[in-house]
């Protein structure tokens, strides 16, 4: 959750996603629906990887109280509830729309009694009462904080004695197309990403950061760090085509001014739902990215 959890084309399950154009507060709530769809696709496609991270966490005992910072539509929240069946999760986000969707999912899954939602801006100097959690989870949200040092210090002060802070970040926006694609404009996907670099440098300066030194500077001891390579072939999940389509559609909005006419035309053909060469009809897509997890305790 932050002012801008997913400021544009970058992912997290939110952190998910989670997804490109996923804003947590700088934009009107009417934009939530498209962002929520990407977050939900991110959660569906990457569910196995999220579960593996929750299983890896170096916990000395099962947490009873968990806080999910930047919960989005609940990918991390529900993974944590499943991993720790006796735990209660406080899900925090700026977006009222995302929190409403999360509550609806909690009711549908019969776990509403284990979820509390809190709408808050973590860039504010005064945080709401989030209790004293045994575990704080922040997936694809920390890099959007205006003052990460303040947020890290606040989490340190929040945690119960011996509590764990898990920071999960993606190396970058996932890639979907194979090498040499699309036909006639190979390398288009990389050029589209490169066209968003200046936007990210200005709006998301902490994306791709090494959180280890920042955690140490904020008074944590990093107990473990793990990088997970994500590669999911398209035939393993029918959602990947929709995930790629929604993701690249949002990238187009930022990249378009920097792309030449031929690249833009090729990108539009990929995004054309009726084109035989469009993303929704390709059978050669894969999700390729990496995510790194830092597990830290107050020193």
Protein backbone atom coordinates (compact mmCIF):
# COMPACT_ATOMS: atom_id res chain seq x y z
CA UNK A 1 0.00 0.00 0.00
CA UNK A 2 1.59 3.35 -0.40
CA UNK A 3 0.56 6.47 -2.09
CA UNK A 4 1.26 4.77 -5.37
CA UNK A 5 1.48 1.05 -5.05
CA UNK A 6 2.09 0.32 -8.71
CA UNK A 7 2.59 3.74 -10.08
CA UNK A 8 2.32 2.40 -13.61
CA UNK A 9 3.86 -0.47 -15.52
CA UNK A 10 5.37 -2.47 -12.73
CA UNK A 11 4.07 -5.44 -10.84
CA UNK A 12 3.34 -6.78 -7.53
CA UNK A 13 0.81 -8.90 -5.98
CA UNK A 14 0.15 -6.06 -3.66
CA UNK A 15 1.22 -6.56 -3.66
CA UNK A 16 0.53 -8.24 -6.06
CA UNK A 17 0.66 -6.55 -9.08
CA UNK A 18 0.44 -6.31 -8.50
CA UNK A 19 0.06 -4.69 -11.68
CA UNK A 20 0.98 -2.12 -14.21
CA UNK A 21 -0.90 1.07 -13.59
CA UNK A 22 -1.85 -0.14 -10.13
CA UNK A 23 -2.23 2.99 -8.06
CA UNK A 24 -2.98 3.03 -4.37
CA UNK A 25 -4.13 6.54 -3.76
CA UNK A 26 -2.87 9.10 -6.26
CA UNK A 27 -5.73 8.47 -8.64
CA UNK A 28 -9.51 8.43 -8.46
CA UNK A 29 -11.18 5.29 -7.25
CA UNK A 30 -12.89 4.82 -10.63
CA UNK A 31 -9.54 3.58 -11.93
CA UNK A 32 -9.53 0.73 -9.41
CA UNK A 33 -11.46 -1.78 -11.50
CA UNK A 34 -8.84 -2.23 -14.22
CA UNK A 35 -6.03 -2.28 -11.68
CA UNK A 36 -7.92 -4.81 -9.57
CA UNK A 37 -8.28 -7.11 -12.58
CA UNK A 38 -4.51 -7.09 -13.13
CA UNK A 39 -3.87 -7.71 -9.43
CA UNK A 40 -6.26 -10.65 -9.47
CA UNK A 41 -4.58 -12.10 -12.57
CA UNK A 42 -1.19 -11.59 -10.96
CA UNK A 43 -2.42 -13.48 -7.89
CA UNK A 44 -3.86 -16.31 -10.00
CA UNK A 45 -0.83 -16.79 -12.21
CA UNK A 46 1.78 -16.43 -9.45
CA UNK A 47 -0.13 -18.20 -6.67
CA UNK A 48 2.39 -21.02 -6.43
CA UNK A 49 5.29 -18.62 -6.05
CA UNK A 50 3.51 -16.59 -3.38
CA UNK A 51 2.78 -19.79 -1.46
CA UNK A 52 6.41 -20.91 -1.70
CA UNK A 53 7.57 -17.60 -0.22
CA UNK A 54 5.17 -17.80 2.72
CA UNK A 55 6.36 -21.36 3.37
CA UNK A 56 10.03 -20.24 3.27
CA UNK A 57 9.75 -17.47 5.86
CA UNK A 58 12.16 -18.12 8.77
CA UNK A 59 9.58 -18.03 11.55
CA UNK A 60 10.29 -19.42 15.00
CA UNK A 61 6.57 -19.98 15.62
CA UNK A 62 3.36 -19.50 13.69
CA UNK A 63 2.24 -15.88 13.78
CA UNK A 64 -1.10 -15.08 15.38
CA UNK A 65 -1.27 -11.47 14.18
CA UNK A 66 -0.17 -10.42 10.70
CA UNK A 67 -0.19 -7.02 8.98
CA UNK A 68 -0.21 -6.90 5.15
CA UNK A 69 1.09 -3.48 4.08
CA UNK A 70 -0.13 -2.59 0.61
CA UNK A 71 -2.53 -5.50 0.41
CA UNK A 72 -4.15 -4.53 -2.90
CA UNK A 73 -6.98 -6.96 -3.59
CA UNK A 74 -5.59 -9.56 -1.21
CA UNK A 75 -3.12 -11.89 -2.94
CA UNK A 76 -0.75 -11.84 0.02
CA UNK A 77 -3.51 -11.65 2.61
CA UNK A 78 -5.17 -14.87 1.45
CA UNK A 79 -1.87 -16.69 0.93
CA UNK A 80 -0.96 -15.85 4.53
CA UNK A 81 -4.36 -16.87 5.86
CA UNK A 82 -3.99 -20.23 4.11
CA UNK A 83 -0.42 -20.75 5.28
CA UNK A 84 -1.25 -19.83 8.89
CA UNK A 85 -4.77 -21.14 9.58
CA UNK A 86 -4.97 -19.70 13.10
CA UNK A 87 -3.74 -16.22 12.19
CA UNK A 88 -5.66 -12.97 11.81
CA UNK A 89 -4.57 -10.47 9.14
CA UNK A 90 -4.91 -6.69 9.17
CA UNK A 91 -4.91 -5.67 5.50
CA UNK A 92 -3.80 -2.07 4.89
CA UNK A 93 -4.17 -0.07 1.70
CA UNK A 94 -4.96 3.44 0.48
CA UNK A 95 -7.54 2.24 -2.04
CA UNK A 96 -11.06 1.90 -0.69
CA UNK A 97 -12.04 -0.01 -3.83
CA UNK A 98 -9.35 -2.62 -3.38
CA UNK A 99 -10.21 -3.07 0.28
CA UNK A 100 -13.87 -3.53 -0.61
CA UNK A 101 -12.95 -6.27 -3.08
CA UNK A 102 -10.74 -7.90 -0.47
CA UNK A 103 -13.60 -7.96 2.04
CA UNK A 104 -15.93 -9.48 -0.57
CA UNK A 105 -13.37 -12.23 -1.25
CA UNK A 106 -12.96 -12.86 2.48
CA UNK A 107 -16.71 -13.34 2.82
CA UNK A 108 -16.83 -15.64 -0.21
CA UNK A 109 -14.04 -17.76 1.28
CA UNK A 110 -15.58 -17.81 4.73
CA UNK A 111 -12.63 -16.10 6.42
CA UNK A 112 -14.14 -12.66 7.05
CA UNK A 113 -13.75 -13.21 10.78
CA UNK A 114 -9.98 -13.42 10.33
CA UNK A 115 -9.53 -10.26 8.24
CA UNK A 116 -9.61 -6.62 9.26
CA UNK A 117 -9.18 -3.92 6.60
CA UNK A 118 -7.68 -0.51 7.29
CA UNK A 119 -7.63 2.33 4.77
CA UNK A 120 -4.51 4.41 5.37
CA UNK A 121 -1.66 6.21 3.63
CA UNK A 122 1.61 4.86 4.99
CA UNK A 123 3.43 7.96 3.79
CA UNK A 124 1.54 9.84 6.50
CA UNK A 125 3.64 10.60 9.61
CA UNK A 126 0.86 9.19 11.79
CA UNK A 127 -0.15 5.58 11.24
CA UNK A 128 -3.44 4.10 12.44
CA UNK A 129 -3.44 1.52 15.20
CA UNK A 130 -2.34 -1.72 13.52
CA UNK A 131 -1.87 -3.69 16.72
CA UNK A 132 1.35 -5.51 17.58
CA UNK A 133 1.89 -8.02 14.77
CA UNK A 134 4.15 -11.05 14.85
CA UNK A 135 4.65 -10.75 11.09
CA UNK A 136 4.52 -7.75 8.76
CA UNK A 137 4.32 -8.57 5.04
CA UNK A 138 5.02 -5.93 2.37
CA UNK A 139 4.91 -7.21 -1.20
CA UNK A 140 5.68 -4.84 -4.09
CA UNK A 141 4.76 -1.86 -1.94
CA UNK A 142 7.91 -0.65 -0.19
CA UNK A 143 9.49 0.77 -3.34
CA UNK A 144 6.58 3.20 -3.70
CA UNK A 145 7.00 4.83 -0.30
CA UNK A 146 7.99 8.48 -0.45
CA UNK A 147 10.29 7.99 2.56
CA UNK A 148 11.24 4.32 2.86
CA UNK A 149 13.36 5.01 5.93
CA UNK A 150 10.34 6.36 7.80
CA UNK A 151 8.26 3.34 6.80
CA UNK A 152 10.95 0.88 7.86
CA UNK A 153 11.35 2.58 11.24
CA UNK A 154 7.57 2.55 11.72
CA UNK A 155 7.43 -1.18 10.98
CA UNK A 156 10.29 -1.82 13.42
CA UNK A 157 8.40 0.01 16.16
CA UNK A 158 5.18 -1.82 15.25
CA UNK A 159 6.44 -5.40 15.47
CA UNK A 160 6.01 -7.55 18.53
CA UNK A 161 9.26 -8.61 20.25
CA UNK A 162 10.92 -11.18 18.02
CA UNK A 163 8.54 -10.35 15.16
CA UNK A 164 9.48 -10.77 11.49
CA UNK A 165 9.30 -8.28 8.62
CA UNK A 166 9.10 -9.78 5.12
CA UNK A 167 9.82 -7.45 2.18
CA UNK A 168 9.01 -8.95 -1.22
CA UNK A 169 9.99 -7.10 -4.38
CA UNK A 170 9.99 -7.96 -8.07
CA UNK A 171 13.13 -7.34 -10.09
CA UNK A 172 11.00 -5.59 -12.67
CA UNK A 173 7.93 -5.86 -14.79
CA UNK A 174 7.40 -9.41 -16.12
CA UNK A 175 8.22 -10.26 -19.72
CA UNK A 176 5.82 -12.39 -21.73
CA UNK A 177 6.90 -12.69 -25.38
CA UNK A 178 9.52 -15.15 -26.68
CA UNK A 179 12.76 -13.97 -28.27
CA UNK A 180 12.19 -12.82 -31.82
CA UNK A 181 8.58 -11.79 -31.23
CA UNK A 182 6.48 -10.23 -32.49
CA UNK A 183 7.06 -11.19 -36.07
CA UNK A 184 8.48 -8.24 -37.97
CA UNK A 185 9.33 -6.19 -34.85
CA UNK A 186 11.51 -8.43 -32.65
CA UNK A 187 12.58 -6.80 -29.42
CA UNK A 188 9.41 -4.70 -29.19
CA UNK A 189 8.70 -5.74 -25.61
CA UNK A 190 12.15 -4.63 -24.41
CA UNK A 191 11.86 -1.32 -26.28
CA UNK A 192 8.48 -0.68 -24.68
CA UNK A 193 9.96 -1.29 -21.25
CA UNK A 194 12.95 0.93 -22.01
CA UNK A 195 10.53 3.68 -23.00
CA UNK A 196 9.14 3.67 -19.45
CA UNK A 197 12.54 3.95 -17.74
CA UNK A 198 12.50 7.73 -17.35
CA UNK A 199 9.01 7.58 -15.85
CA UNK A 200 10.13 5.01 -13.31
CA UNK A 201 13.30 6.93 -12.50
CA UNK A 202 11.17 9.94 -11.62
CA UNK A 203 8.17 8.33 -9.95
CA UNK A 204 9.47 5.04 -8.52
CA UNK A 205 13.13 5.72 -7.65
CA UNK A 206 13.38 2.81 -5.19
CA UNK A 207 12.26 0.15 -7.64
CA UNK A 208 14.90 -2.56 -7.88
CA UNK A 209 16.63 -1.39 -4.71
CA UNK A 210 18.63 -3.65 -2.42
CA UNK A 211 16.56 -3.53 0.75
CA UNK A 212 19.18 -5.29 2.87
CA UNK A 213 21.28 -2.19 3.68
CA UNK A 214 18.16 -0.05 4.18
CA UNK A 215 16.72 -2.58 6.62
CA UNK A 216 20.02 -2.65 8.53
CA UNK A 217 20.15 1.15 8.64
CA UNK A 218 16.61 1.19 10.06
CA UNK A 219 17.57 -1.06 12.95
CA UNK A 220 16.81 -4.53 11.54
CA UNK A 221 18.93 -7.64 11.29
CA UNK A 222 18.40 -9.40 7.97
CA UNK A 223 18.08 -13.09 8.81
CA UNK A 224 17.58 -14.43 5.31
CA UNK A 225 17.37 -13.33 1.70
CA UNK A 226 16.12 -15.31 -1.26
CA UNK A 227 15.68 -14.63 -4.96
CA UNK A 228 13.04 -16.68 -6.74
CA UNK A 229 13.22 -17.08 -10.51
CA UNK A 230 9.73 -17.04 -11.99
CA UNK A 231 9.10 -18.72 -15.34
CA UNK A 232 5.59 -19.95 -16.04
CA UNK A 233 4.81 -21.26 -19.51
CA UNK A 234 1.54 -20.11 -21.04
CA UNK A 235 0.07 -23.55 -21.45
CA UNK A 236 0.18 -24.00 -17.67
CA UNK A 237 -2.26 -21.16 -17.05
CA UNK A 238 -5.03 -19.89 -19.32
CA UNK A 239 -4.85 -16.58 -17.46
CA UNK A 240 -1.41 -15.70 -18.84
CA UNK A 241 -2.79 -14.31 -22.11
CA UNK A 242 -5.13 -11.98 -20.22
CA UNK A 243 -2.35 -11.12 -17.79
CA UNK A 244 0.01 -10.20 -20.64
CA UNK A 245 -2.72 -8.26 -22.45
CA UNK A 246 -3.70 -6.17 -19.44
CA UNK A 247 -0.10 -5.58 -18.49
CA UNK A 248 1.14 -4.46 -21.90
CA UNK A 249 -1.98 -2.36 -22.40
CA UNK A 250 -0.95 -0.29 -19.38
CA UNK A 251 2.66 -0.11 -20.51
CA UNK A 252 1.43 1.32 -23.82
CA UNK A 253 -0.01 4.34 -22.04
CA UNK A 254 3.42 5.36 -20.78
CA UNK A 255 5.62 4.04 -23.59
CA UNK A 256 3.62 5.26 -26.62
CA UNK A 257 5.21 8.73 -26.96
CA UNK A 258 8.71 7.20 -27.11
CA UNK A 259 7.93 4.40 -29.60
CA UNK A 260 8.22 4.83 -33.35
CA UNK A 261 5.20 4.33 -35.59
CA UNK A 262 6.14 0.78 -36.56
CA UNK A 263 6.59 -0.32 -32.96
CA UNK A 264 3.36 1.32 -31.90
CA UNK A 265 1.45 -0.37 -34.71
CA UNK A 266 2.94 -3.75 -33.76
CA UNK A 267 2.06 -3.18 -30.11
CA UNK A 268 -1.50 -2.26 -31.04
CA UNK A 269 -1.80 -5.46 -33.08
CA UNK A 270 -0.67 -7.47 -30.04
CA UNK A 271 -3.34 -5.70 -28.00
CA UNK A 272 -6.07 -6.22 -30.61
CA UNK A 273 -8.42 -8.81 -29.14
CA UNK A 274 -9.64 -9.73 -32.63
CA UNK A 275 -6.24 -10.10 -34.27
CA UNK A 276 -5.03 -13.66 -34.96
CA UNK A 277 -1.60 -12.41 -33.86
CA UNK A 278 -2.88 -10.77 -30.67
CA UNK A 279 -1.72 -11.68 -27.18
CA UNK A 280 -5.03 -13.31 -26.34
CA UNK A 281 -4.52 -15.86 -29.13
CA UNK A 282 -0.79 -16.53 -28.83
CA UNK A 283 0.26 -19.91 -27.50
CA UNK A 284 3.93 -19.05 -26.96
CA UNK A 285 3.65 -16.70 -23.98
CA UNK A 286 5.42 -17.17 -20.65
CA UNK A 287 5.76 -15.12 -17.47
CA UNK A 288 9.43 -14.36 -16.82
CA UNK A 289 10.61 -12.33 -13.86
CA UNK A 290 12.36 -12.60 -10.50
CA UNK A 291 11.32 -11.68 -7.00
CA UNK A 292 13.53 -11.20 -3.98
CA UNK A 293 12.49 -11.62 -0.35
CA UNK A 294 14.24 -10.13 2.67
CA UNK A 295 13.28 -11.50 6.09
CA UNK A 296 14.38 -9.25 8.95
CA UNK A 297 13.88 -8.78 12.69
CA UNK A 298 14.41 -5.68 14.84
CA UNK A 299 18.01 -5.74 16.01
